[in-house]
Amino acid sequence: PPKKKSTPAWVWIAAVIGGLLVLGLIGSA
């Protein structure tokens, strides 16, 4: 099978930050 490309670290960091922002907005609301 073809080798899978790994996801760059910056994508994971951006996803975590985005998730925290969404949780903060929900908590505030």
mmCIF file of all heavy atoms, coordinates in Angstrom:
data_MODEL
# 
_entry.id   MODEL 
# 
loop_
_atom_site.group_PDB 
_atom_site.id 
_atom_site.type_symbol 
_atom_site.label_atom_id 
_atom_site.label_alt_id 
_atom_site.label_comp_id 
_atom_site.label_asym_id 
_atom_site.label_entity_id 
_atom_site.label_seq_id 
_atom_site.pdbx_PDB_ins_code 
_atom_site.Cartn_x 
_atom_site.Cartn_y 
_atom_site.Cartn_z 
_atom_site.occupancy 
_atom_site.B_iso_or_equiv 
_atom_site.pdbx_formal_charge 
_atom_site.auth_seq_id 
_atom_site.auth_comp_id 
_atom_site.auth_asym_id 
_atom_site.auth_atom_id 
_atom_site.pdbx_PDB_model_num 
ATOM 1   N N   . PRO A 1 1  ? 0.833   -1.204 0.000  1.00 0.00 ? 1  PRO A N   1 
ATOM 2   C CA  . PRO A 1 1  ? 0.000   0.000  0.000  1.00 0.00 ? 1  PRO A CA  1 
ATOM 3   C C   . PRO A 1 1  ? 0.870   1.258  0.000  1.00 0.00 ? 1  PRO A C   1 
ATOM 4   O O   . PRO A 1 1  ? 1.985   1.249  0.506  1.00 0.00 ? 1  PRO A O   1 
ATOM 5   C CB  . PRO A 1 1  ? -0.803  -0.112 1.277  1.00 0.00 ? 1  PRO A CB  1 
ATOM 6   C CG  . PRO A 1 1  ? -0.102  -1.102 2.122  1.00 0.00 ? 1  PRO A CG  1 
ATOM 7   C CD  . PRO A 1 1  ? 0.737   -1.957 1.214  1.00 0.00 ? 1  PRO A CD  1 
ATOM 8   N N   . PRO A 1 2  ? 0.325   2.369  -0.582 1.00 0.00 ? 2  PRO A N   1 
ATOM 9   C CA  . PRO A 1 2  ? 1.109   3.617  -0.602 1.00 0.00 ? 2  PRO A CA  1 
ATOM 10  C C   . PRO A 1 2  ? 1.321   4.144  0.822  1.00 0.00 ? 2  PRO A C   1 
ATOM 11  O O   . PRO A 1 2  ? 0.490   3.968  1.701  1.00 0.00 ? 2  PRO A O   1 
ATOM 12  C CB  . PRO A 1 2  ? 0.261   4.576  -1.426 1.00 0.00 ? 2  PRO A CB  1 
ATOM 13  C CG  . PRO A 1 2  ? -1.095  3.991  -1.466 1.00 0.00 ? 2  PRO A CG  1 
ATOM 14  C CD  . PRO A 1 2  ? -0.955  2.502  -1.213 1.00 0.00 ? 2  PRO A CD  1 
ATOM 15  N N   . LYS A 1 3  ? 2.469   4.764  1.019  1.00 0.00 ? 3  LYS A N   1 
ATOM 16  C CA  . LYS A 1 3  ? 2.837   5.289  2.322  1.00 0.00 ? 3  LYS A CA  1 
ATOM 17  C C   . LYS A 1 3  ? 1.969   6.527  2.637  1.00 0.00 ? 3  LYS A C   1 
ATOM 18  O O   . LYS A 1 3  ? 1.810   7.408  1.800  1.00 0.00 ? 3  LYS A O   1 
ATOM 19  C CB  . LYS A 1 3  ? 4.314   5.673  2.318  1.00 0.00 ? 3  LYS A CB  1 
ATOM 20  C CG  . LYS A 1 3  ? 4.847   6.031  3.671  1.00 0.00 ? 3  LYS A CG  1 
ATOM 21  C CD  . LYS A 1 3  ? 6.338   6.288  3.602  1.00 0.00 ? 3  LYS A CD  1 
ATOM 22  C CE  . LYS A 1 3  ? 6.862   6.640  4.950  1.00 0.00 ? 3  LYS A CE  1 
ATOM 23  N NZ  . LYS A 1 3  ? 8.277   6.955  4.904  1.00 0.00 ? 3  LYS A NZ  1 
ATOM 24  N N   . LYS A 1 4  ? 1.390   6.553  3.876  1.00 0.00 ? 4  LYS A N   1 
ATOM 25  C CA  . LYS A 1 4  ? 0.568   7.691  4.282  1.00 0.00 ? 4  LYS A CA  1 
ATOM 26  C C   . LYS A 1 4  ? 1.465   8.875  4.625  1.00 0.00 ? 4  LYS A C   1 
ATOM 27  O O   . LYS A 1 4  ? 2.509   8.714  5.241  1.00 0.00 ? 4  LYS A O   1 
ATOM 28  C CB  . LYS A 1 4  ? -0.267  7.339  5.502  1.00 0.00 ? 4  LYS A CB  1 
ATOM 29  C CG  . LYS A 1 4  ? -1.391  6.402  5.236  1.00 0.00 ? 4  LYS A CG  1 
ATOM 30  C CD  . LYS A 1 4  ? -2.226  6.262  6.496  1.00 0.00 ? 4  LYS A CD  1 
ATOM 31  C CE  . LYS A 1 4  ? -3.418  5.394  6.262  1.00 0.00 ? 4  LYS A CE  1 
ATOM 32  N NZ  . LYS A 1 4  ? -4.239  5.287  7.452  1.00 0.00 ? 4  LYS A NZ  1 
ATOM 33  N N   . LYS A 1 5  ? 0.985   10.065 4.246  1.00 0.00 ? 5  LYS A N   1 
ATOM 34  C CA  . LYS A 1 5  ? 1.705   11.291 4.609  1.00 0.00 ? 5  LYS A CA  1 
ATOM 35  C C   . LYS A 1 5  ? 1.336   11.653 6.036  1.00 0.00 ? 5  LYS A C   1 
ATOM 36  O O   . LYS A 1 5  ? 0.182   11.579 6.440  1.00 0.00 ? 5  LYS A O   1 
ATOM 37  C CB  . LYS A 1 5  ? 1.332   12.451 3.687  1.00 0.00 ? 5  LYS A CB  1 
ATOM 38  C CG  . LYS A 1 5  ? 1.826   12.290 2.280  1.00 0.00 ? 5  LYS A CG  1 
ATOM 39  C CD  . LYS A 1 5  ? 1.472   13.532 1.488  1.00 0.00 ? 5  LYS A CD  1 
ATOM 40  C CE  . LYS A 1 5  ? 1.962   13.426 0.066  1.00 0.00 ? 5  LYS A CE  1 
ATOM 41  N NZ  . LYS A 1 5  ? 1.615   14.594 -0.721 1.00 0.00 ? 5  LYS A NZ  1 
ATOM 42  N N   . SER A 1 6  ? 2.316   12.058 6.826  1.00 0.00 ? 6  SER A N   1 
ATOM 43  C CA  . SER A 1 6  ? 2.022   12.469 8.199  1.00 0.00 ? 6  SER A CA  1 
ATOM 44  C C   . SER A 1 6  ? 1.544   13.918 8.215  1.00 0.00 ? 6  SER A C   1 
ATOM 45  O O   . SER A 1 6  ? 1.948   14.731 7.393  1.00 0.00 ? 6  SER A O   1 
ATOM 46  C CB  . SER A 1 6  ? 3.259   12.298 9.084  1.00 0.00 ? 6  SER A CB  1 
ATOM 47  O OG  . SER A 1 6  ? 4.275   13.167 8.661  1.00 0.00 ? 6  SER A OG  1 
ATOM 48  N N   . THR A 1 7  ? 0.663   14.216 9.153  1.00 0.00 ? 7  THR A N   1 
ATOM 49  C CA  . THR A 1 7  ? 0.129   15.567 9.284  1.00 0.00 ? 7  THR A CA  1 
ATOM 50  C C   . THR A 1 7  ? 1.172   16.441 9.971  1.00 0.00 ? 7  THR A C   1 
ATOM 51  O O   . THR A 1 7  ? 1.712   16.064 11.018 1.00 0.00 ? 7  THR A O   1 
ATOM 52  C CB  . THR A 1 7  ? -1.161  15.548 10.120 1.00 0.00 ? 7  THR A CB  1 
ATOM 53  O OG1 . THR A 1 7  ? -2.073  14.610 9.529  1.00 0.00 ? 7  THR A OG1 1 
ATOM 54  C CG2 . THR A 1 7  ? -1.808  16.913 10.171 1.00 0.00 ? 7  THR A CG2 1 
ATOM 55  N N   . PRO A 1 8  ? 1.452   17.632 9.401  1.00 0.00 ? 8  PRO A N   1 
ATOM 56  C CA  . PRO A 1 8  ? 2.446   18.513 10.015 1.00 0.00 ? 8  PRO A CA  1 
ATOM 57  C C   . PRO A 1 8  ? 2.009   18.944 11.414 1.00 0.00 ? 8  PRO A C   1 
ATOM 58  O O   . PRO A 1 8  ? 0.824   19.039 11.733 1.00 0.00 ? 8  PRO A O   1 
ATOM 59  C CB  . PRO A 1 8  ? 2.508   19.726 9.079  1.00 0.00 ? 8  PRO A CB  1 
ATOM 60  C CG  . PRO A 1 8  ? 1.850   19.309 7.817  1.00 0.00 ? 8  PRO A CG  1 
ATOM 61  C CD  . PRO A 1 8  ? 0.930   18.180 8.157  1.00 0.00 ? 8  PRO A CD  1 
ATOM 62  N N   . ALA A 1 9  ? 2.972   19.224 12.268 1.00 0.00 ? 9  ALA A N   1 
ATOM 63  C CA  . ALA A 1 9  ? 2.715   19.602 13.658 1.00 0.00 ? 9  ALA A CA  1 
ATOM 64  C C   . ALA A 1 9  ? 1.899   20.885 13.750 1.00 0.00 ? 9  ALA A C   1 
ATOM 65  O O   . ALA A 1 9  ? 1.055   21.028 14.639 1.00 0.00 ? 9  ALA A O   1 
ATOM 66  C CB  . ALA A 1 9  ? 4.029   19.747 14.412 1.00 0.00 ? 9  ALA A CB  1 
ATOM 67  N N   . TRP A 1 10 ? 2.125   21.835 12.837 1.00 0.00 ? 10 TRP A N   1 
ATOM 68  C CA  . TRP A 1 10 ? 1.413   23.106 12.924 1.00 0.00 ? 10 TRP A CA  1 
ATOM 69  C C   . TRP A 1 10 ? -0.089  22.912 12.737 1.00 0.00 ? 10 TRP A C   1 
ATOM 70  O O   . TRP A 1 10 ? -0.893  23.651 13.298 1.00 0.00 ? 10 TRP A O   1 
ATOM 71  C CB  . TRP A 1 10 ? 1.965   24.129 11.926 1.00 0.00 ? 10 TRP A CB  1 
ATOM 72  C CG  . TRP A 1 10 ? 1.707   23.792 10.476 1.00 0.00 ? 10 TRP A CG  1 
ATOM 73  C CD1 . TRP A 1 10 ? 2.516   23.099 9.639  1.00 0.00 ? 10 TRP A CD1 1 
ATOM 74  C CD2 . TRP A 1 10 ? 0.550   24.139 9.717  1.00 0.00 ? 10 TRP A CD2 1 
ATOM 75  N NE1 . TRP A 1 10 ? 1.935   22.977 8.411  1.00 0.00 ? 10 TRP A NE1 1 
ATOM 76  C CE2 . TRP A 1 10 ? 0.718   23.624 8.429  1.00 0.00 ? 10 TRP A CE2 1 
ATOM 77  C CE3 . TRP A 1 10 ? -0.621  24.841 10.009 1.00 0.00 ? 10 TRP A CE3 1 
ATOM 78  C CZ2 . TRP A 1 10 ? -0.219  23.768 7.418  1.00 0.00 ? 10 TRP A CZ2 1 
ATOM 79  C CZ3 . TRP A 1 10 ? -1.558  25.000 9.008  1.00 0.00 ? 10 TRP A CZ3 1 
ATOM 80  C CH2 . TRP A 1 10 ? -1.357  24.462 7.728  1.00 0.00 ? 10 TRP A CH2 1 
ATOM 81  N N   . VAL A 1 11 ? -0.496  21.894 11.982 1.00 0.00 ? 11 VAL A N   1 
ATOM 82  C CA  . VAL A 1 11 ? -1.920  21.628 11.787 1.00 0.00 ? 11 VAL A CA  1 
ATOM 83  C C   . VAL A 1 11 ? -2.538  21.178 13.114 1.00 0.00 ? 11 VAL A C   1 
ATOM 84  O O   . VAL A 1 11 ? -3.624  21.611 13.487 1.00 0.00 ? 11 VAL A O   1 
ATOM 85  C CB  . VAL A 1 11 ? -2.120  20.575 10.678 1.00 0.00 ? 11 VAL A CB  1 
ATOM 86  C CG1 . VAL A 1 11 ? -3.582  20.146 10.595 1.00 0.00 ? 11 VAL A CG1 1 
ATOM 87  C CG2 . VAL A 1 11 ? -1.645  21.113 9.343  1.00 0.00 ? 11 VAL A CG2 1 
ATOM 88  N N   . TRP A 1 12 ? -1.837  20.312 13.836 1.00 0.00 ? 12 TRP A N   1 
ATOM 89  C CA  . TRP A 1 12 ? -2.329  19.833 15.117 1.00 0.00 ? 12 TRP A CA  1 
ATOM 90  C C   . TRP A 1 12 ? -2.408  20.973 16.130 1.00 0.00 ? 12 TRP A C   1 
ATOM 91  O O   . TRP A 1 12 ? -3.383  21.078 16.884 1.00 0.00 ? 12 TRP A O   1 
ATOM 92  C CB  . TRP A 1 12 ? -1.446  18.702 15.658 1.00 0.00 ? 12 TRP A CB  1 
ATOM 93  C CG  . TRP A 1 12 ? -1.604  17.432 14.871 1.00 0.00 ? 12 TRP A CG  1 
ATOM 94  C CD1 . TRP A 1 12 ? -0.720  16.885 14.002 1.00 0.00 ? 12 TRP A CD1 1 
ATOM 95  C CD2 . TRP A 1 12 ? -2.749  16.586 14.856 1.00 0.00 ? 12 TRP A CD2 1 
ATOM 96  N NE1 . TRP A 1 12 ? -1.227  15.746 13.448 1.00 0.00 ? 12 TRP A NE1 1 
ATOM 97  C CE2 . TRP A 1 12 ? -2.487  15.528 13.966 1.00 0.00 ? 12 TRP A CE2 1 
ATOM 98  C CE3 . TRP A 1 12 ? -3.976  16.603 15.519 1.00 0.00 ? 12 TRP A CE3 1 
ATOM 99  C CZ2 . TRP A 1 12 ? -3.386  14.516 13.716 1.00 0.00 ? 12 TRP A CZ2 1 
ATOM 100 C CZ3 . TRP A 1 12 ? -4.873  15.584 15.269 1.00 0.00 ? 12 TRP A CZ3 1 
ATOM 101 C CH2 . TRP A 1 12 ? -4.583  14.551 14.379 1.00 0.00 ? 12 TRP A CH2 1 
ATOM 102 N N   . ILE A 1 13 ? -1.402  21.824 16.149 1.00 0.00 ? 13 ILE A N   1 
ATOM 103 C CA  . ILE A 1 13 ? -1.398  22.955 17.079 1.00 0.00 ? 13 ILE A CA  1 
ATOM 104 C C   . ILE A 1 13 ? -2.556  23.894 16.783 1.00 0.00 ? 13 ILE A C   1 
ATOM 105 O O   . ILE A 1 13 ? -3.271  24.333 17.679 1.00 0.00 ? 13 ILE A O   1 
ATOM 106 C CB  . ILE A 1 13 ? -0.038  23.694 17.024 1.00 0.00 ? 13 ILE A CB  1 
ATOM 107 C CG1 . ILE A 1 13 ? 1.063   22.779 17.580 1.00 0.00 ? 13 ILE A CG1 1 
ATOM 108 C CG2 . ILE A 1 13 ? -0.096  25.005 17.803 1.00 0.00 ? 13 ILE A CG2 1 
ATOM 109 C CD1 . ILE A 1 13 ? 2.462   23.298 17.358 1.00 0.00 ? 13 ILE A CD1 1 
ATOM 110 N N   . ALA A 1 14 ? -2.770  24.190 15.490 1.00 0.00 ? 14 ALA A N   1 
ATOM 111 C CA  . ALA A 1 14 ? -3.868  25.073 15.093 1.00 0.00 ? 14 ALA A CA  1 
ATOM 112 C C   . ALA A 1 14 ? -5.212  24.457 15.469 1.00 0.00 ? 14 ALA A C   1 
ATOM 113 O O   . ALA A 1 14 ? -6.130  25.154 15.913 1.00 0.00 ? 14 ALA A O   1 
ATOM 114 C CB  . ALA A 1 14 ? -3.804  25.360 13.604 1.00 0.00 ? 14 ALA A CB  1 
ATOM 115 N N   . ALA A 1 15 ? -5.346  23.140 15.317 1.00 0.00 ? 15 ALA A N   1 
ATOM 116 C CA  . ALA A 1 15 ? -6.602  22.464 15.650 1.00 0.00 ? 15 ALA A CA  1 
ATOM 117 C C   . ALA A 1 15 ? -6.868  22.534 17.150 1.00 0.00 ? 15 ALA A C   1 
ATOM 118 O O   . ALA A 1 15 ? -8.005  22.764 17.584 1.00 0.00 ? 15 ALA A O   1 
ATOM 119 C CB  . ALA A 1 15 ? -6.554  21.013 15.176 1.00 0.00 ? 15 ALA A CB  1 
ATOM 120 N N   . VAL A 1 16 ? -5.841  22.335 17.968 1.00 0.00 ? 16 VAL A N   1 
ATOM 121 C CA  . VAL A 1 16 ? -6.009  22.395 19.416 1.00 0.00 ? 16 VAL A CA  1 
ATOM 122 C C   . VAL A 1 16 ? -6.393  23.805 19.842 1.00 0.00 ? 16 VAL A C   1 
ATOM 123 O O   . VAL A 1 16 ? -7.323  24.005 20.646 1.00 0.00 ? 16 VAL A O   1 
ATOM 124 C CB  . VAL A 1 16 ? -4.719  21.926 20.135 1.00 0.00 ? 16 VAL A CB  1 
ATOM 125 C CG1 . VAL A 1 16 ? -4.778  22.246 21.614 1.00 0.00 ? 16 VAL A CG1 1 
ATOM 126 C CG2 . VAL A 1 16 ? -4.512  20.432 19.910 1.00 0.00 ? 16 VAL A CG2 1 
ATOM 127 N N   . ILE A 1 17 ? -5.711  24.808 19.315 1.00 0.00 ? 17 ILE A N   1 
ATOM 128 C CA  . ILE A 1 17 ? -6.025  26.200 19.657 1.00 0.00 ? 17 ILE A CA  1 
ATOM 129 C C   . ILE A 1 17 ? -7.447  26.540 19.228 1.00 0.00 ? 17 ILE A C   1 
ATOM 130 O O   . ILE A 1 17 ? -8.211  27.146 19.977 1.00 0.00 ? 17 ILE A O   1 
ATOM 131 C CB  . ILE A 1 17 ? -4.995  27.168 19.040 1.00 0.00 ? 17 ILE A CB  1 
ATOM 132 C CG1 . ILE A 1 17 ? -3.642  26.979 19.729 1.00 0.00 ? 17 ILE A CG1 1 
ATOM 133 C CG2 . ILE A 1 17 ? -5.469  28.612 19.154 1.00 0.00 ? 17 ILE A CG2 1 
ATOM 134 C CD1 . ILE A 1 17 ? -2.509  27.745 19.087 1.00 0.00 ? 17 ILE A CD1 1 
ATOM 135 N N   . GLY A 1 18 ? -7.825  26.135 18.018 1.00 0.00 ? 18 GLY A N   1 
ATOM 136 C CA  . GLY A 1 18 ? -9.186  26.377 17.536 1.00 0.00 ? 18 GLY A CA  1 
ATOM 137 C C   . GLY A 1 18 ? -10.225 25.709 18.421 1.00 0.00 ? 18 GLY A C   1 
ATOM 138 O O   . GLY A 1 18 ? -11.258 26.292 18.746 1.00 0.00 ? 18 GLY A O   1 
ATOM 139 N N   . GLY A 1 19 ? -9.938  24.475 18.840 1.00 0.00 ? 19 GLY A N   1 
ATOM 140 C CA  . GLY A 1 19 ? -10.863 23.759 19.718 1.00 0.00 ? 19 GLY A CA  1 
ATOM 141 C C   . GLY A 1 19 ? -11.019 24.459 21.054 1.00 0.00 ? 19 GLY A C   1 
ATOM 142 O O   . GLY A 1 19 ? -12.125 24.568 21.597 1.00 0.00 ? 19 GLY A O   1 
ATOM 143 N N   . LEU A 1 20 ? -9.906  24.954 21.620 1.00 0.00 ? 20 LEU A N   1 
ATOM 144 C CA  . LEU A 1 20 ? -9.970  25.675 22.890 1.00 0.00 ? 20 LEU A CA  1 
ATOM 145 C C   . LEU A 1 20 ? -10.771 26.970 22.757 1.00 0.00 ? 20 LEU A C   1 
ATOM 146 O O   . LEU A 1 20 ? -11.528 27.335 23.659 1.00 0.00 ? 20 LEU A O   1 
ATOM 147 C CB  . LEU A 1 20 ? -8.564  25.954 23.409 1.00 0.00 ? 20 LEU A CB  1 
ATOM 148 C CG  . LEU A 1 20 ? -7.778  24.721 23.885 1.00 0.00 ? 20 LEU A CG  1 
ATOM 149 C CD1 . LEU A 1 20 ? -6.344  25.110 24.213 1.00 0.00 ? 20 LEU A CD1 1 
ATOM 150 C CD2 . LEU A 1 20 ? -8.461  24.084 25.075 1.00 0.00 ? 20 LEU A CD2 1 
ATOM 151 N N   . LEU A 1 21 ? -10.589 27.649 21.638 1.00 0.00 ? 21 LEU A N   1 
ATOM 152 C CA  . LEU A 1 21 ? -11.360 28.876 21.413 1.00 0.00 ? 21 LEU A CA  1 
ATOM 153 C C   . LEU A 1 21 ? -12.854 28.586 21.339 1.00 0.00 ? 21 LEU A C   1 
ATOM 154 O O   . LEU A 1 21 ? -13.676 29.301 21.910 1.00 0.00 ? 21 LEU A O   1 
ATOM 155 C CB  . LEU A 1 21 ? -10.894 29.580 20.138 1.00 0.00 ? 21 LEU A CB  1 
ATOM 156 C CG  . LEU A 1 21 ? -9.556  30.303 20.228 1.00 0.00 ? 21 LEU A CG  1 
ATOM 157 C CD1 . LEU A 1 21 ? -9.130  30.802 18.855 1.00 0.00 ? 21 LEU A CD1 1 
ATOM 158 C CD2 . LEU A 1 21 ? -9.652  31.458 21.191 1.00 0.00 ? 21 LEU A CD2 1 
ATOM 159 N N   . VAL A 1 22 ? -13.209 27.525 20.639 1.00 0.00 ? 22 VAL A N   1 
ATOM 160 C CA  . VAL A 1 22 ? -14.620 27.153 20.522 1.00 0.00 ? 22 VAL A CA  1 
ATOM 161 C C   . VAL A 1 22 ? -15.178 26.801 21.900 1.00 0.00 ? 22 VAL A C   1 
ATOM 162 O O   . VAL A 1 22 ? -16.276 27.231 22.269 1.00 0.00 ? 22 VAL A O   1 
ATOM 163 C CB  . VAL A 1 22 ? -14.797 25.986 19.527 1.00 0.00 ? 22 VAL A CB  1 
ATOM 164 C CG1 . VAL A 1 22 ? -16.198 25.403 19.604 1.00 0.00 ? 22 VAL A CG1 1 
ATOM 165 C CG2 . VAL A 1 22 ? -14.498 26.457 18.113 1.00 0.00 ? 22 VAL A CG2 1 
ATOM 166 N N   . LEU A 1 23 ? -14.435 26.025 22.691 1.00 0.00 ? 23 LEU A N   1 
ATOM 167 C CA  . LEU A 1 23 ? -14.894 25.682 24.034 1.00 0.00 ? 23 LEU A CA  1 
ATOM 168 C C   . LEU A 1 23 ? -15.050 26.928 24.910 1.00 0.00 ? 23 LEU A C   1 
ATOM 169 O O   . LEU A 1 23 ? -15.993 27.040 25.682 1.00 0.00 ? 23 LEU A O   1 
ATOM 170 C CB  . LEU A 1 23 ? -13.926 24.703 24.692 1.00 0.00 ? 23 LEU A CB  1 
ATOM 171 C CG  . LEU A 1 23 ? -13.960 23.268 24.144 1.00 0.00 ? 23 LEU A CG  1 
ATOM 172 C CD1 . LEU A 1 23 ? -12.855 22.448 24.783 1.00 0.00 ? 23 LEU A CD1 1 
ATOM 173 C CD2 . LEU A 1 23 ? -15.317 22.644 24.372 1.00 0.00 ? 23 LEU A CD2 1 
ATOM 174 N N   . GLY A 1 24 ? -14.122 27.872 24.784 1.00 0.00 ? 24 GLY A N   1 
ATOM 175 C CA  . GLY A 1 24 ? -14.222 29.112 25.542 1.00 0.00 ? 24 GLY A CA  1 
ATOM 176 C C   . GLY A 1 24 ? -15.448 29.919 25.160 1.00 0.00 ? 24 GLY A C   1 
ATOM 177 O O   . GLY A 1 24 ? -16.144 30.472 26.018 1.00 0.00 ? 24 GLY A O   1 
ATOM 178 N N   . LEU A 1 25 ? -15.739 29.987 23.861 1.00 0.00 ? 25 LEU A N   1 
ATOM 179 C CA  . LEU A 1 25 ? -16.924 30.720 23.402 1.00 0.00 ? 25 LEU A CA  1 
ATOM 180 C C   . LEU A 1 25 ? -18.200 30.047 23.895 1.00 0.00 ? 25 LEU A C   1 
ATOM 181 O O   . LEU A 1 25 ? -19.144 30.717 24.304 1.00 0.00 ? 25 LEU A O   1 
ATOM 182 C CB  . LEU A 1 25 ? -16.923 30.821 21.878 1.00 0.00 ? 25 LEU A CB  1 
ATOM 183 C CG  . LEU A 1 25 ? -15.867 31.742 21.276 1.00 0.00 ? 25 LEU A CG  1 
ATOM 184 C CD1 . LEU A 1 25 ? -15.839 31.606 19.766 1.00 0.00 ? 25 LEU A CD1 1 
ATOM 185 C CD2 . LEU A 1 25 ? -16.136 33.180 21.678 1.00 0.00 ? 25 LEU A CD2 1 
ATOM 186 N N   . ILE A 1 26 ? -18.231 28.736 23.854 1.00 0.00 ? 26 ILE A N   1 
ATOM 187 C CA  . ILE A 1 26 ? -19.410 28.018 24.336 1.00 0.00 ? 26 ILE A CA  1 
ATOM 188 C C   . ILE A 1 26 ? -19.584 28.244 25.836 1.00 0.00 ? 26 ILE A C   1 
ATOM 189 O O   . ILE A 1 26 ? -20.685 28.512 26.311 1.00 0.00 ? 26 ILE A O   1 
ATOM 190 C CB  . ILE A 1 26 ? -19.299 26.513 24.012 1.00 0.00 ? 26 ILE A CB  1 
ATOM 191 C CG1 . ILE A 1 26 ? -19.407 26.301 22.497 1.00 0.00 ? 26 ILE A CG1 1 
ATOM 192 C CG2 . ILE A 1 26 ? -20.378 25.715 24.739 1.00 0.00 ? 26 ILE A CG2 1 
ATOM 193 C CD1 . ILE A 1 26 ? -19.097 24.891 22.044 1.00 0.00 ? 26 ILE A CD1 1 
ATOM 194 N N   . GLY A 1 27 ? -18.486 28.156 26.597 1.00 0.00 ? 27 GLY A N   1 
ATOM 195 C CA  . GLY A 1 27 ? -18.562 28.385 28.038 1.00 0.00 ? 27 GLY A CA  1 
ATOM 196 C C   . GLY A 1 27 ? -19.030 29.786 28.365 1.00 0.00 ? 27 GLY A C   1 
ATOM 197 O O   . GLY A 1 27 ? -19.837 29.999 29.268 1.00 0.00 ? 27 GLY A O   1 
ATOM 198 N N   . SER A 1 28 ? -18.563 30.758 27.611 1.00 0.00 ? 28 SER A N   1 
ATOM 199 C CA  . SER A 1 28 ? -18.975 32.135 27.835 1.00 0.00 ? 28 SER A CA  1 
ATOM 200 C C   . SER A 1 28 ? -20.452 32.326 27.509 1.00 0.00 ? 28 SER A C   1 
ATOM 201 O O   . SER A 1 28 ? -21.175 33.007 28.219 1.00 0.00 ? 28 SER A O   1 
ATOM 202 C CB  . SER A 1 28 ? -18.116 33.076 26.990 1.00 0.00 ? 28 SER A CB  1 
ATOM 203 O OG  . SER A 1 28 ? -18.525 34.401 27.169 1.00 0.00 ? 28 SER A OG  1 
ATOM 204 N N   . ALA A 1 29 ? -20.910 31.683 26.440 1.00 0.00 ? 29 ALA A N   1 
ATOM 205 C CA  . ALA A 1 29 ? -22.304 31.803 26.033 1.00 0.00 ? 29 ALA A CA  1 
ATOM 206 C C   . ALA A 1 29 ? -23.236 31.123 27.032 1.00 0.00 ? 29 ALA A C   1 
ATOM 207 O O   . ALA A 1 29 ? -24.389 31.515 27.177 1.00 0.00 ? 29 ALA A O   1 
ATOM 208 C CB  . ALA A 1 29 ? -22.500 31.200 24.648 1.00 0.00 ? 29 ALA A CB  1 
# 
